[in-house]
Amino acid sequence: MRSSKIKTMTSALTSVLVLTLVGSLAGSAWAQATTPATAPKTEPAKVEPAKTEPAPAKAEAAKLEYVQFNTTQGEIVLELNAEKAPISTANFLAYVDKGFYNGTVFHRVIKTFMIQGGGFDAAMKQKPTEAPIKNEGKNGLKNLRGTIAMARTSAPDSATAQFFINVVDNPNLDAGGGAGAGYAVFGKVIAGMETVDKIRDLQTGVKNGMSDVPNDLPSITTAVRLTKEQADAKLPGAKPAETKPTEGKPEEKK
């Protein structure tokens, strides 16, 4: 009796498996039937007129800004690289625009190194500044003679308003040159290096506990922005801007 029940159950299970397999195959066959037996005919390719590629756009000129320091020793004209040093440039220009540098002095001068300024007034009192900025010492600009860079403490991201102008090449201040994160160069002097050298050659001493302070403090009377045209006119050998002669008024007949 028990054997008969087992046979019945086995037969039923087999029927279920067969039905499932048939259903699966049928579904597969339906899927295949929906696919064309032959590839669709293709229309002859239309010949499109050759497309001409637009001429490559000219590389954008570097984003440059210009500032002039009017100092007690003469003029210094700076070209700032806002493309490679956007943070430092924007920070410096913000101080220029609000007149922060007016009346500040070059408080640290080392003849074989650099001249530093932008932080102290004529009484050697340090001016309050905005928050420090991120160091851009790895922007590829090098501390070469005539370049301007952000001064900072030993902490990489501590620069605020103070800057220095290199009077010699200082590769040791570049990132990887022994200065860790490096000192961020953000521009260069394009006119007035003779003024920088005048400041460099000043006699220095100790004042308010600080060394390398010029005995006769050179100051920045004003710091102003220039247009490119104005800056170009300051370049060595540049021709003075032409001025149109004014026409005299005709004499009145008596």
C-alpha atoms as a PDB file:
ATOM      1  CA  MET A   1       0.000   0.000   0.000  1.00  0.00           C
ATOM      2  CA  ARG A   2       2.773   2.306   0.989  1.00  0.00           C
ATOM      3  CA  SER A   3       4.670   1.472  -2.224  1.00  0.00           C
ATOM      4  CA  SER A   4       1.602   2.375  -4.299  1.00  0.00           C
ATOM      5  CA  LYS A   5       1.342   5.801  -2.655  1.00  0.00           C
ATOM      6  CA  ILE A   6       5.004   6.502  -3.372  1.00  0.00           C
ATOM      7  CA  LYS A   7       4.563   5.630  -7.049  1.00  0.00           C
ATOM      8  CA  THR A   8       1.538   7.910  -7.286  1.00  0.00           C
ATOM      9  CA  MET A   9       3.416  10.809  -5.738  1.00  0.00           C
ATOM     10  CA  THR A  10       6.439  10.251  -7.985  1.00  0.00           C
ATOM     11  CA  SER A  11       4.200  10.230 -11.063  1.00  0.00           C
ATOM     12  CA  ALA A  12       2.530  13.494 -10.041  1.00  0.00           C
ATOM     13  CA  LEU A  13       5.894  15.172  -9.363  1.00  0.00           C
ATOM     14  CA  THR A  14       7.186  14.088 -12.763  1.00  0.00           C
ATOM     15  CA  SER A  15       4.104  15.588 -14.439  1.00  0.00           C
ATOM     16  CA  VAL A  16       4.717  18.918 -12.701  1.00  0.00           C
ATOM     17  CA  LEU A  17       8.367  18.981 -13.805  1.00  0.00           C
ATOM     18  CA  VAL A  18       7.411  18.176 -17.401  1.00  0.00           C
ATOM     19  CA  LEU A  19       4.801  20.945 -17.473  1.00  0.00           C
ATOM     20  CA  THR A  20       7.283  23.445 -16.039  1.00  0.00           C
ATOM     21  CA  LEU A  21       9.929  22.514 -18.592  1.00  0.00           C
ATOM     22  CA  VAL A  22       7.433  22.748 -21.464  1.00  0.00           C
ATOM     23  CA  GLY A  23       6.242  26.147 -20.265  1.00  0.00           C
ATOM     24  CA  SER A  24       9.840  27.351 -20.083  1.00  0.00           C
ATOM     25  CA  LEU A  25      10.628  26.160 -23.570  1.00  0.00           C
ATOM     26  CA  ALA A  26       7.437  27.661 -24.908  1.00  0.00           C
ATOM     27  CA  GLY A  27       8.358  31.028 -23.432  1.00  0.00           C
ATOM     28  CA  SER A  28      11.789  30.743 -25.006  1.00  0.00           C
ATOM     29  CA  ALA A  29      10.288  29.833 -28.360  1.00  0.00           C
ATOM     30  CA  TRP A  30       7.945  32.855 -28.178  1.00  0.00           C
ATOM     31  CA  ALA A  31      10.842  35.141 -27.474  1.00  0.00           C
ATOM     32  CA  GLN A  32      12.723  33.797 -30.459  1.00  0.00           C
ATOM     33  CA  ALA A  33       9.643  34.066 -32.693  1.00  0.00           C
ATOM     34  CA  THR A  34       9.535  37.820 -32.084  1.00  0.00           C
ATOM     35  CA  THR A  35      13.009  38.188 -33.582  1.00  0.00           C
ATOM     36  CA  PRO A  36      13.085  38.495 -37.407  1.00  0.00           C
ATOM     37  CA  ALA A  37      14.520  35.372 -39.039  1.00  0.00           C
ATOM     38  CA  THR A  38      16.548  37.538 -41.388  1.00  0.00           C
ATOM     39  CA  ALA A  39      18.291  40.827 -40.813  1.00  0.00           C
ATOM     40  CA  PRO A  40      16.234  43.830 -41.889  1.00  0.00           C
ATOM     41  CA  LYS A  41      17.127  45.337 -45.230  1.00  0.00           C
ATOM     42  CA  THR A  42      19.371  48.324 -44.978  1.00  0.00           C
ATOM     43  CA  GLU A  43      18.881  51.424 -47.069  1.00  0.00           C
ATOM     44  CA  PRO A  44      21.944  52.588 -49.000  1.00  0.00           C
ATOM     45  CA  ALA A  45      23.952  54.936 -46.831  1.00  0.00           C
ATOM     46  CA  LYS A  46      23.355  58.595 -47.528  1.00  0.00           C
ATOM     47  CA  VAL A  47      26.491  60.545 -48.298  1.00  0.00           C
ATOM     48  CA  GLU A  48      26.598  63.480 -45.919  1.00  0.00           C
ATOM     49  CA  PRO A  49      28.684  66.508 -46.824  1.00  0.00           C
ATOM     50  CA  ALA A  50      31.975  66.518 -44.978  1.00  0.00           C
ATOM     51  CA  LYS A  51      31.732  68.462 -41.741  1.00  0.00           C
ATOM     52  CA  THR A  52      34.379  71.030 -41.066  1.00  0.00           C
ATOM     53  CA  GLU A  53      35.612  71.195 -37.495  1.00  0.00           C
ATOM     54  CA  PRO A  54      35.550  74.660 -35.982  1.00  0.00           C
ATOM     55  CA  ALA A  55      38.959  76.233 -35.603  1.00  0.00           C
ATOM     56  CA  PRO A  56      40.386  75.526 -32.152  1.00  0.00           C
ATOM     57  CA  ALA A  57      39.755  78.367 -29.762  1.00  0.00           C
ATOM     58  CA  LYS A  58      42.765  80.428 -28.894  1.00  0.00           C
ATOM     59  CA  ALA A  59      44.141  79.739 -25.455  1.00  0.00           C
ATOM     60  CA  GLU A  60      42.792  82.231 -22.965  1.00  0.00           C
ATOM     61  CA  ALA A  61      45.276  84.823 -21.860  1.00  0.00           C
ATOM     62  CA  ALA A  62      46.439  84.463 -18.294  1.00  0.00           C
ATOM     63  CA  LYS A  63      44.268  86.327 -15.830  1.00  0.00           C
ATOM     64  CA  LEU A  64      46.502  89.204 -14.805  1.00  0.00           C
ATOM     65  CA  GLU A  65      45.923  92.132 -12.450  1.00  0.00           C
ATOM     66  CA  TYR A  66      48.079  95.212 -11.939  1.00  0.00           C
ATOM     67  CA  VAL A  67      48.905  97.253  -8.852  1.00  0.00           C
ATOM     68  CA  GLN A  68      51.203 100.214  -8.301  1.00  0.00           C
ATOM     69  CA  PHE A  69      52.917 101.014  -5.017  1.00  0.00           C
ATOM     70  CA  ASN A  70      53.788 104.682  -4.669  1.00  0.00           C
ATOM     71  CA  THR A  71      56.558 104.653  -2.077  1.00  0.00           C
ATOM     72  CA  THR A  72      58.898 107.168  -0.474  1.00  0.00           C
ATOM     73  CA  GLN A  73      61.641 105.617  -2.620  1.00  0.00           C
ATOM     74  CA  GLY A  74      59.762 105.604  -5.936  1.00  0.00           C
ATOM     75  CA  GLU A  75      57.165 103.575  -7.835  1.00  0.00           C
ATOM     76  CA  ILE A  76      56.822  99.782  -7.961  1.00  0.00           C
ATOM     77  CA  VAL A  77      54.445  98.247 -10.523  1.00  0.00           C
ATOM     78  CA  LEU A  78      53.260  94.694  -9.937  1.00  0.00           C
ATOM     79  CA  GLU A  79      51.704  92.160 -12.297  1.00  0.00           C
ATOM     80  CA  LEU A  80      49.632  89.610 -10.352  1.00  0.00           C
ATOM     81  CA  ASN A  81      48.884  86.132 -11.671  1.00  0.00           C
ATOM     82  CA  ALA A  82      45.239  85.490 -10.786  1.00  0.00           C
ATOM     83  CA  GLU A  83      45.253  82.303 -12.846  1.00  0.00           C
ATOM     84  CA  LYS A  84      47.950  80.405 -10.946  1.00  0.00           C
ATOM     85  CA  ALA A  85      47.468  82.141  -7.590  1.00  0.00           C
ATOM     86  CA  PRO A  86      43.768  83.089  -7.409  1.00  0.00           C
ATOM     87  CA  ILE A  87      43.489  83.014  -3.614  1.00  0.00           C
ATOM     88  CA  SER A  88      46.615  85.064  -2.918  1.00  0.00           C
ATOM     89  CA  THR A  89      45.798  87.560  -5.671  1.00  0.00           C
ATOM     90  CA  ALA A  90      42.213  88.089  -4.524  1.00  0.00           C
ATOM     91  CA  ASN A  91      43.395  88.490  -0.941  1.00  0.00           C
ATOM     92  CA  PHE A  92      46.064  91.047  -1.890  1.00  0.00           C
ATOM     93  CA  LEU A  93      43.656  93.045  -4.067  1.00  0.00           C
ATOM     94  CA  ALA A  94      41.084  93.142  -1.268  1.00  0.00           C
ATOM     95  CA  TYR A  95      43.672  94.832   0.981  1.00  0.00           C
ATOM     96  CA  VAL A  96      44.613  97.225  -1.844  1.00  0.00           C
ATOM     97  CA  ASP A  97      40.989  98.149  -2.519  1.00  0.00           C
ATOM     98  CA  LYS A  98      40.274  99.088   1.068  1.00  0.00           C
ATOM     99  CA  GLY A  99      43.441 101.167   1.400  1.00  0.00           C
ATOM    100  CA  PHE A 100      45.044  98.853   3.935  1.00  0.00           C
ATOM    101  CA  TYR A 101      48.572  99.232   2.524  1.00  0.00           C
ATOM    102  CA  ASN A 102      48.481 103.030   2.462  1.00  0.00           C
ATOM    103  CA  GLY A 103      50.938 104.242   5.109  1.00  0.00           C
ATOM    104  CA  THR A 104      52.478 100.817   5.770  1.00  0.00           C
ATOM    105  CA  VAL A 105      56.250 100.350   5.734  1.00  0.00           C
ATOM    106  CA  PHE A 106      58.851  97.898   4.518  1.00  0.00           C
ATOM    107  CA  HIS A 107      59.774  96.771   8.014  1.00  0.00           C
ATOM    108  CA  ARG A 108      62.226  93.972   7.207  1.00  0.00           C
ATOM    109  CA  VAL A 109      65.027  94.362   4.672  1.00  0.00           C
ATOM    110  CA  ILE A 110      67.800  91.839   4.031  1.00  0.00           C
ATOM    111  CA  LYS A 111      70.077  92.877   1.187  1.00  0.00           C
ATOM    112  CA  THR A 112      70.915  89.330   0.068  1.00  0.00           C
ATOM    113  CA  PHE A 113      67.393  87.983   0.490  1.00  0.00           C
ATOM    114  CA  MET A 114      64.217  90.097   0.217  1.00  0.00           C
ATOM    115  CA  ILE A 115      62.285  93.175   1.344  1.00  0.00           C
ATOM    116  CA  GLN A 116      59.134  92.615   3.410  1.00  0.00           C
ATOM    117  CA  GLY A 117      56.195  94.895   4.079  1.00  0.00           C
ATOM    118  CA  GLY A 118      52.452  95.253   4.367  1.00  0.00           C
ATOM    119  CA  GLY A 119      51.963  94.701   8.077  1.00  0.00           C
ATOM    120  CA  PHE A 120      53.206  97.661  10.128  1.00  0.00           C
ATOM    121  CA  ASP A 121      52.543 101.387  10.137  1.00  0.00           C
ATOM    122  CA  ALA A 122      55.215 104.097  10.462  1.00  0.00           C
ATOM    123  CA  ALA A 123      55.186 103.726  14.253  1.00  0.00           C
ATOM    124  CA  MET A 124      55.991 100.019  13.809  1.00  0.00           C
ATOM    125  CA  LYS A 125      52.571  99.117  15.129  1.00  0.00           C
ATOM    126  CA  GLN A 126      51.116  95.993  13.535  1.00  0.00           C
ATOM    127  CA  LYS A 127      47.795  96.501  11.757  1.00  0.00           C
ATOM    128  CA  PRO A 128      44.813  94.159  12.325  1.00  0.00           C
ATOM    129  CA  THR A 129      44.126  91.891   9.357  1.00  0.00           C
ATOM    130  CA  GLU A 130      41.500  89.613   7.901  1.00  0.00           C
ATOM    131  CA  ALA A 131      41.534  85.832   8.382  1.00  0.00           C
ATOM    132  CA  PRO A 132      44.558  83.905   7.034  1.00  0.00           C
ATOM    133  CA  ILE A 133      44.378  82.272   3.618  1.00  0.00           C
ATOM    134  CA  LYS A 134      45.219  78.896   2.121  1.00  0.00           C
ATOM    135  CA  ASN A 135      48.820  78.513   0.997  1.00  0.00           C
ATOM    136  CA  GLU A 136      49.315  78.353  -2.784  1.00  0.00           C
ATOM    137  CA  GLY A 137      53.018  77.519  -2.602  1.00  0.00           C
ATOM    138  CA  LYS A 138      52.603  74.603  -5.014  1.00  0.00           C
ATOM    139  CA  ASN A 139      51.220  76.670  -7.902  1.00  0.00           C
ATOM    140  CA  GLY A 140      54.387  76.342  -9.981  1.00  0.00           C
ATOM    141  CA  LEU A 141      55.523  79.973  -9.628  1.00  0.00           C
ATOM    142  CA  LYS A 142      59.091  80.239  -8.335  1.00  0.00           C
ATOM    143  CA  ASN A 143      60.688  82.621  -5.856  1.00  0.00           C
ATOM    144  CA  LEU A 144      62.914  84.373  -8.380  1.00  0.00           C
ATOM    145  CA  ARG A 145      64.364  87.873  -8.176  1.00  0.00           C
ATOM    146  CA  GLY A 146      61.601  90.412  -8.643  1.00  0.00           C
ATOM    147  CA  THR A 147      58.723  88.132  -7.673  1.00  0.00           C
ATOM    148  CA  ILE A 148      56.255  88.967  -4.920  1.00  0.00           C
ATOM    149  CA  ALA A 149      55.124  86.275  -2.478  1.00  0.00           C
ATOM    150  CA  MET A 150      53.000  85.973   0.634  1.00  0.00           C
ATOM    151  CA  ALA A 151      54.805  86.156   3.971  1.00  0.00           C
ATOM    152  CA  ARG A 152      53.668  83.715   6.643  1.00  0.00           C
ATOM    153  CA  THR A 153      54.658  82.027   9.886  1.00  0.00           C
ATOM    154  CA  SER A 154      55.905  78.442  10.060  1.00  0.00           C
ATOM    155  CA  ALA A 155      52.276  77.325   9.646  1.00  0.00           C
ATOM    156  CA  PRO A 156      51.576  76.877   5.892  1.00  0.00           C
ATOM    157  CA  ASP A 157      48.098  78.470   5.896  1.00  0.00           C
ATOM    158  CA  SER A 158      48.899  81.543   8.005  1.00  0.00           C
ATOM    159  CA  ALA A 159      49.443  84.343   5.441  1.00  0.00           C
ATOM    160  CA  THR A 160      47.307  87.461   5.833  1.00  0.00           C
ATOM    161  CA  ALA A 161      48.437  90.875   4.525  1.00  0.00           C
ATOM    162  CA  GLN A 162      52.228  90.802   4.651  1.00  0.00           C
ATOM    163  CA  PHE A 163      54.222  90.119   1.502  1.00  0.00           C
ATOM    164  CA  PHE A 164      57.834  90.162   0.383  1.00  0.00           C
ATOM    165  CA  ILE A 165      59.665  90.909  -2.855  1.00  0.00           C
ATOM    166  CA  ASN A 166      62.620  88.657  -3.646  1.00  0.00           C
ATOM    167  CA  VAL A 167      65.787  90.640  -4.440  1.00  0.00           C
ATOM    168  CA  VAL A 168      67.677  87.466  -5.446  1.00  0.00           C
ATOM    169  CA  ASP A 169      66.587  84.019  -6.600  1.00  0.00           C
ATOM    170  CA  ASN A 170      65.442  82.082  -3.513  1.00  0.00           C
ATOM    171  CA  PRO A 171      64.766  78.464  -4.586  1.00  0.00           C
ATOM    172  CA  ASN A 172      64.875  77.402  -0.935  1.00  0.00           C
ATOM    173  CA  LEU A 173      61.507  79.155  -0.488  1.00  0.00           C
ATOM    174  CA  ASP A 174      59.789  77.057  -3.157  1.00  0.00           C
ATOM    175  CA  ALA A 175      57.656  74.037  -2.289  1.00  0.00           C
ATOM    176  CA  GLY A 176      60.012  71.065  -2.162  1.00  0.00           C
ATOM    177  CA  GLY A 177      63.006  73.372  -1.963  1.00  0.00           C
ATOM    178  CA  GLY A 178      63.421  73.033   1.782  1.00  0.00           C
ATOM    179  CA  ALA A 179      60.523  75.278   2.825  1.00  0.00           C
ATOM    180  CA  GLY A 180      57.929  72.526   3.169  1.00  0.00           C
ATOM    181  CA  ALA A 181      54.708  73.800   1.609  1.00  0.00           C
ATOM    182  CA  GLY A 182      56.632  76.731   0.146  1.00  0.00           C
ATOM    183  CA  TYR A 183      55.983  80.461   0.094  1.00  0.00           C
ATOM    184  CA  ALA A 184      53.303  81.348  -2.437  1.00  0.00           C
ATOM    185  CA  VAL A 185      54.469  83.551  -5.297  1.00  0.00           C
ATOM    186  CA  PHE A 186      51.537  85.421  -6.843  1.00  0.00           C
ATOM    187  CA  GLY A 187      53.130  88.018  -9.097  1.00  0.00           C
ATOM    188  CA  LYS A 188      56.216  89.949 -10.133  1.00  0.00           C
ATOM    189  CA  VAL A 189      57.612  93.440 -10.440  1.00  0.00           C
ATOM    190  CA  ILE A 190      57.350  94.635 -14.048  1.00  0.00           C
ATOM    191  CA  ALA A 191      58.539  98.194 -13.446  1.00  0.00           C
ATOM    192  CA  GLY A 192      60.377  99.827 -10.583  1.00  0.00           C
ATOM    193  CA  MET A 193      63.001  97.218  -9.651  1.00  0.00           C
ATOM    194  CA  GLU A 194      65.329 100.192  -9.172  1.00  0.00           C
ATOM    195  CA  THR A 195      63.003 101.255  -6.344  1.00  0.00           C
ATOM    196  CA  VAL A 196      63.123  97.762  -4.861  1.00  0.00           C
ATOM    197  CA  ASP A 197      66.938  97.895  -4.990  1.00  0.00           C
ATOM    198  CA  LYS A 198      66.977 101.311  -3.295  1.00  0.00           C
ATOM    199  CA  ILE A 199      65.000  99.833  -0.426  1.00  0.00           C
ATOM    200  CA  ARG A 200      67.251  96.762  -0.382  1.00  0.00           C
ATOM    201  CA  ASP A 201      70.334  98.958   0.039  1.00  0.00           C
ATOM    202  CA  LEU A 202      69.016 100.909   3.036  1.00  0.00           C
ATOM    203  CA  GLN A 203      70.922 100.653   6.304  1.00  0.00           C
ATOM    204  CA  THR A 204      69.112  98.550   8.915  1.00  0.00           C
ATOM    205  CA  GLY A 205      69.172  98.052  12.654  1.00  0.00           C
ATOM    206  CA  VAL A 206      67.031  96.870  15.556  1.00  0.00           C
ATOM    207  CA  LYS A 207      63.760  98.561  16.436  1.00  0.00           C
ATOM    208  CA  ASN A 208      61.004  97.483  18.809  1.00  0.00           C
ATOM    209  CA  GLY A 209      62.874  94.236  19.353  1.00  0.00           C
ATOM    210  CA  MET A 210      62.901  93.446  15.623  1.00  0.00           C
ATOM    211  CA  SER A 211      66.071  93.097  13.564  1.00  0.00           C
ATOM    212  CA  ASP A 212      66.688  94.104   9.909  1.00  0.00           C
ATOM    213  CA  VAL A 213      64.465  97.185  10.257  1.00  0.00           C
ATOM    214  CA  PRO A 214      65.534 100.074   7.986  1.00  0.00           C
ATOM    215  CA  ASN A 215      66.804 103.046   9.974  1.00  0.00           C
ATOM    216  CA  ASP A 216      64.889 105.346   7.629  1.00  0.00           C
ATOM    217  CA  LEU A 217      61.641 103.418   7.192  1.00  0.00           C
ATOM    218  CA  PRO A 218      60.473 103.392   3.560  1.00  0.00           C
ATOM    219  CA  SER A 219      56.692 103.558   3.345  1.00  0.00           C
ATOM    220  CA  ILE A 220      53.967 102.850   0.832  1.00  0.00           C
ATOM    221  CA  THR A 221      52.119 106.133   0.503  1.00  0.00           C
ATOM    222  CA  THR A 222      49.398 104.618  -1.688  1.00  0.00           C
ATOM    223  CA  ALA A 223      48.648 101.279  -3.350  1.00  0.00           C
ATOM    224  CA  VAL A 224      46.345 101.512  -6.364  1.00  0.00           C
ATOM    225  CA  ARG A 225      45.080  99.271  -9.129  1.00  0.00           C
ATOM    226  CA  LEU A 226      46.113  99.886 -12.721  1.00  0.00           C
ATOM    227  CA  THR A 227      44.606  98.819 -16.010  1.00  0.00           C
ATOM    228  CA  LYS A 228      46.797  96.805 -18.373  1.00  0.00           C
ATOM    229  CA  GLU A 229      47.214  99.866 -20.561  1.00  0.00           C
ATOM    230  CA  GLN A 230      48.315 101.957 -17.600  1.00  0.00           C
ATOM    231  CA  ALA A 231      50.743  99.248 -16.497  1.00  0.00           C
ATOM    232  CA  ASP A 232      52.167  98.869 -20.011  1.00  0.00           C
ATOM    233  CA  ALA A 233      52.859 102.602 -20.088  1.00  0.00           C
ATOM    234  CA  LYS A 234      55.045 102.146 -16.997  1.00  0.00           C
ATOM    235  CA  LEU A 235      57.252  99.474 -18.581  1.00  0.00           C
ATOM    236  CA  PRO A 236      60.906 100.382 -19.168  1.00  0.00           C
ATOM    237  CA  GLY A 237      61.241 101.896 -22.620  1.00  0.00           C
ATOM    238  CA  ALA A 238      57.507 102.380 -23.047  1.00  0.00           C
ATOM    239  CA  LYS A 239      56.500 105.378 -25.083  1.00  0.00           C
ATOM    240  CA  PRO A 240      54.493 107.973 -23.197  1.00  0.00           C
ATOM    241  CA  ALA A 241      50.834 108.043 -24.094  1.00  0.00           C
ATOM    242  CA  GLU A 242      50.141 110.357 -26.985  1.00  0.00           C
ATOM    243  CA  THR A 243      48.025 113.380 -26.216  1.00  0.00           C
ATOM    244  CA  LYS A 244      46.082 115.185 -28.865  1.00  0.00           C
ATOM    245  CA  PRO A 245      46.968 118.888 -29.170  1.00  0.00           C
ATOM    246  CA  THR A 246      44.217 121.126 -27.964  1.00  0.00           C
ATOM    247  CA  GLU A 247      42.865 123.578 -30.461  1.00  0.00           C
ATOM    248  CA  GLY A 248      43.183 127.200 -29.459  1.00  0.00           C
ATOM    249  CA  LYS A 249      40.089 129.336 -29.405  1.00  0.00           C
ATOM    250  CA  PRO A 250      39.856 131.782 -32.328  1.00  0.00           C
ATOM    251  CA  GLU A 251      40.605 135.311 -31.354  1.00  0.00           C
ATOM    252  CA  GLU A 252      37.615 137.573 -31.165  1.00  0.00           C
ATOM    253  CA  LYS A 253      37.517 140.305 -33.745  1.00  0.00           C
ATOM    254  CA  LYS A 254      37.809 143.700 -32.243  1.00  0.00           C
END
